[in-house]
PDB file of N, CA and C in Angstrom:
ATOM      1  N   MET A   1       0.981 143.684  50.790  1.00  0.00           N
ATOM      2  CA  MET A   1       1.474 143.270  51.858  1.00  0.00           C
ATOM      3  C   MET A   1       1.534 141.739  51.928  1.00  0.00           C
ATOM      4  N   PHE A   2       0.666 141.048  51.260  1.00  0.00           N
ATOM      5  CA  PHE A   2       0.289 139.660  51.213  1.00  0.00           C
ATOM      6  C   PHE A   2       0.652 139.216  49.656  1.00  0.00           C
ATOM      7  N   GLU A   3       1.394 139.911  48.805  1.00  0.00           N
ATOM      8  CA  GLU A   3       1.497 139.597  47.258  1.00  0.00           C
ATOM      9  C   GLU A   3       2.164 138.251  47.158  1.00  0.00           C
ATOM     10  N   TRP A   4       3.049 137.967  48.040  1.00  0.00           N
ATOM     11  CA  TRP A   4       3.722 136.604  47.968  1.00  0.00           C
ATOM     12  C   TRP A   4       2.782 135.389  47.839  1.00  0.00           C
ATOM     13  N   MET A   5       1.671 135.490  48.573  1.00  0.00           N
ATOM     14  CA  MET A   5       0.671 134.498  48.556  1.00  0.00           C
ATOM     15  C   MET A   5       0.229 134.058  47.266  1.00  0.00           C
ATOM     16  N   TYR A   6       0.209 134.997  46.249  1.00  0.00           N
ATOM     17  CA  TYR A   6      -0.146 134.843  44.928  1.00  0.00           C
ATOM     18  C   TYR A   6       1.087 134.168  44.051  1.00  0.00           C
ATOM     19  N   GLU A   7       2.255 134.042  44.588  1.00  0.00           N
ATOM     20  CA  GLU A   7       3.235 133.542  43.881  1.00  0.00           C
ATOM     21  C   GLU A   7       3.550 132.210  43.959  1.00  0.00           C
ATOM     22  N   PRO A   8       3.548 131.287  42.964  1.00  0.00           N
ATOM     23  CA  PRO A   8       3.799 129.775  43.022  1.00  0.00           C
ATOM     24  C   PRO A   8       5.096 129.590  43.609  1.00  0.00           C
ATOM     25  N   GLN A   9       6.016 130.336  43.163  1.00  0.00           N
ATOM     26  CA  GLN A   9       7.300 130.206  43.463  1.00  0.00           C
ATOM     27  C   GLN A   9       7.446 130.339  45.052  1.00  0.00           C
ATOM     28  N   ALA A  10       6.855 131.354  45.654  1.00  0.00           N
ATOM     29  CA  ALA A  10       7.092 131.378  47.073  1.00  0.00           C
ATOM     30  C   ALA A  10       6.303 130.107  47.795  1.00  0.00           C
ATOM     31  N   TRP A  11       5.441 129.565  47.298  1.00  0.00           N
ATOM     32  CA  TRP A  11       4.962 128.419  47.813  1.00  0.00           C
ATOM     33  C   TRP A  11       5.816 127.136  47.706  1.00  0.00           C
ATOM     34  N   VAL A  12       6.428 127.096  46.557  1.00  0.00           N
ATOM     35  CA  VAL A  12       7.338 125.922  46.360  1.00  0.00           C
ATOM     36  C   VAL A  12       8.709 126.262  47.277  1.00  0.00           C
ATOM     37  N   ALA A  13       8.993 127.357  47.507  1.00  0.00           N
ATOM     38  CA  ALA A  13      10.162 127.687  48.432  1.00  0.00           C
ATOM     39  C   ALA A  13       9.802 127.243  49.810  1.00  0.00           C
ATOM     40  N   LEU A  14       8.641 127.639  50.196  1.00  0.00           N
ATOM     41  CA  LEU A  14       8.090 127.411  51.516  1.00  0.00           C
ATOM     42  C   LEU A  14       7.852 126.019  51.693  1.00  0.00           C
ATOM     43  N   LEU A  15       7.373 125.171  50.952  1.00  0.00           N
ATOM     44  CA  LEU A  15       7.283 123.772  51.041  1.00  0.00           C
ATOM     45  C   LEU A  15       8.548 123.109  50.979  1.00  0.00           C
ATOM     46  N   THR A  16       9.555 123.519  50.199  1.00  0.00           N
ATOM     47  CA  THR A  16      10.869 123.156  50.235  1.00  0.00           C
ATOM     48  C   THR A  16      11.719 123.337  51.640  1.00  0.00           C
ATOM     49  N   LEU A  17      11.419 124.436  52.160  1.00  0.00           N
ATOM     50  CA  LEU A  17      12.035 124.496  53.451  1.00  0.00           C
ATOM     51  C   LEU A  17      11.345 123.858  54.517  1.00  0.00           C
ATOM     52  N   THR A  18      10.080 123.660  54.440  1.00  0.00           N
ATOM     53  CA  THR A  18       9.336 122.936  55.578  1.00  0.00           C
ATOM     54  C   THR A  18       9.626 121.522  55.570  1.00  0.00           C
ATOM     55  N   LEU A  19      10.002 120.856  54.309  1.00  0.00           N
ATOM     56  CA  LEU A  19      10.492 119.558  54.198  1.00  0.00           C
ATOM     57  C   LEU A  19      11.813 119.470  54.611  1.00  0.00           C
ATOM     58  N   LEU A  20      12.678 120.349  54.278  1.00  0.00           N
ATOM     59  CA  LEU A  20      14.135 120.291  54.859  1.00  0.00           C
ATOM     60  C   LEU A  20      14.148 120.253  56.322  1.00  0.00           C
ATOM     61  N   GLU A  21      13.479 121.119  56.963  1.00  0.00           N
ATOM     62  CA  GLU A  21      13.402 121.298  58.393  1.00  0.00           C
ATOM     63  C   GLU A  21      12.940 119.854  59.064  1.00  0.00           C
ATOM     64  N   ILE A  22      11.922 119.425  58.352  1.00  0.00           N
ATOM     65  CA  ILE A  22      11.410 117.964  59.135  1.00  0.00           C
ATOM     66  C   ILE A  22      12.335 116.956  59.058  1.00  0.00           C
ATOM     67  N   VAL A  23      12.776 116.885  57.622  1.00  0.00           N
ATOM     68  CA  VAL A  23      14.072 115.928  57.461  1.00  0.00           C
ATOM     69  C   VAL A  23      15.349 116.199  58.343  1.00  0.00           C
ATOM     70  N   LEU A  24      15.528 117.215  58.528  1.00  0.00           N
ATOM     71  CA  LEU A  24      16.887 117.609  59.361  1.00  0.00           C
ATOM     72  C   LEU A  24      16.538 117.268  60.811  1.00  0.00           C
ATOM     73  N   GLY A  25      15.351 117.704  61.205  1.00  0.00           N
ATOM     74  CA  GLY A  25      14.804 117.539  62.525  1.00  0.00           C
ATOM     75  C   GLY A  25      14.989 115.891  63.026  1.00  0.00           C
ATOM     76  N   ILE A  26      14.380 115.122  61.964  1.00  0.00           N
ATOM     77  CA  ILE A  26      14.342 113.652  62.295  1.00  0.00           C
ATOM     78  C   ILE A  26      15.708 113.048  62.384  1.00  0.00           C
ATOM     79  N   ASP A  27      16.803 113.586  61.580  1.00  0.00           N
ATOM     80  CA  ASP A  27      18.085 113.235  61.538  1.00  0.00           C
ATOM     81  C   ASP A  27      18.783 113.684  62.837  1.00  0.00           C
ATOM     82  N   ASN A  28      18.498 114.857  63.195  1.00  0.00           N
ATOM     83  CA  ASN A  28      19.176 115.277  64.747  1.00  0.00           C
ATOM     84  C   ASN A  28      18.644 114.362  65.677  1.00  0.00           C
ATOM     85  N   ILE A  29      17.271 113.820  65.692  1.00  0.00           N
ATOM     86  CA  ILE A  29      16.601 113.016  66.705  1.00  0.00           C
ATOM     87  C   ILE A  29      17.571 111.885  66.777  1.00  0.00           C
ATOM     88  N   ILE A  30      17.745 111.135  65.478  1.00  0.00           N
ATOM     89  CA  ILE A  30      18.432 109.831  65.457  1.00  0.00           C
ATOM     90  C   ILE A  30      19.768 109.967  65.877  1.00  0.00           C
ATOM     91  N   PHE A  31      20.486 111.035  65.324  1.00  0.00           N
ATOM     92  CA  PHE A  31      21.970 111.324  65.790  1.00  0.00           C
ATOM     93  C   PHE A  31      21.949 111.466  67.469  1.00  0.00           C
ATOM     94  N   ILE A  32      21.205 112.109  68.057  1.00  0.00           N
ATOM     95  CA  ILE A  32      21.297 112.244  69.328  1.00  0.00           C
ATOM     96  C   ILE A  32      20.756 110.945  70.135  1.00  0.00           C
ATOM     97  N   SER A  33      19.844 110.215  69.733  1.00  0.00           N
ATOM     98  CA  SER A  33      19.628 108.927  70.317  1.00  0.00           C
ATOM     99  C   SER A  33      20.934 107.967  70.123  1.00  0.00           C
ATOM    100  N   ILE A  34      21.453 107.908  69.125  1.00  0.00           N
ATOM    101  CA  ILE A  34      22.579 107.260  68.828  1.00  0.00           C
ATOM    102  C   ILE A  34      23.847 107.652  69.960  1.00  0.00           C
ATOM    103  N   LEU A  35      23.815 108.937  69.983  1.00  0.00           N
ATOM    104  CA  LEU A  35      24.983 109.251  71.079  1.00  0.00           C
ATOM    105  C   LEU A  35      24.454 108.999  72.573  1.00  0.00           C
ATOM    106  N   VAL A  36      23.205 109.129  72.916  1.00  0.00           N
ATOM    107  CA  VAL A  36      22.765 108.931  74.271  1.00  0.00           C
ATOM    108  C   VAL A  36      22.869 107.229  74.486  1.00  0.00           C
ATOM    109  N   SER A  37      22.692 106.696  73.512  1.00  0.00           N
ATOM    110  CA  SER A  37      22.778 104.990  73.761  1.00  0.00           C
ATOM    111  C   SER A  37      24.123 104.535  74.072  1.00  0.00           C
ATOM    112  N   ARG A  38      25.101 105.409  73.618  1.00  0.00           N
ATOM    113  CA  ARG A  38      26.751 105.150  73.864  1.00  0.00           C
ATOM    114  C   ARG A  38      26.975 105.567  75.325  1.00  0.00           C
ATOM    115  N   LEU A  39      26.194 106.392  75.928  1.00  0.00           N
ATOM    116  CA  LEU A  39      26.510 106.844  77.171  1.00  0.00           C
ATOM    117  C   LEU A  39      26.342 105.537  78.324  1.00  0.00           C
ATOM    118  N   PRO A  40      27.274 105.739  79.071  1.00  0.00           N
ATOM    119  CA  PRO A  40      27.139 104.604  80.389  1.00  0.00           C
ATOM    120  C   PRO A  40      25.699 104.729  81.447  1.00  0.00           C
TER     121      PRO A  40
END
């Protein structure tokens, strides 16, 4: 059931996905703040 926990590749993939989510989330926050600042 938890065999993936012993696979180094699985941890690298999980870490990569987590970092991508964080970076894209910050990017979305910046983009939305720029759009909102242009509103009257």
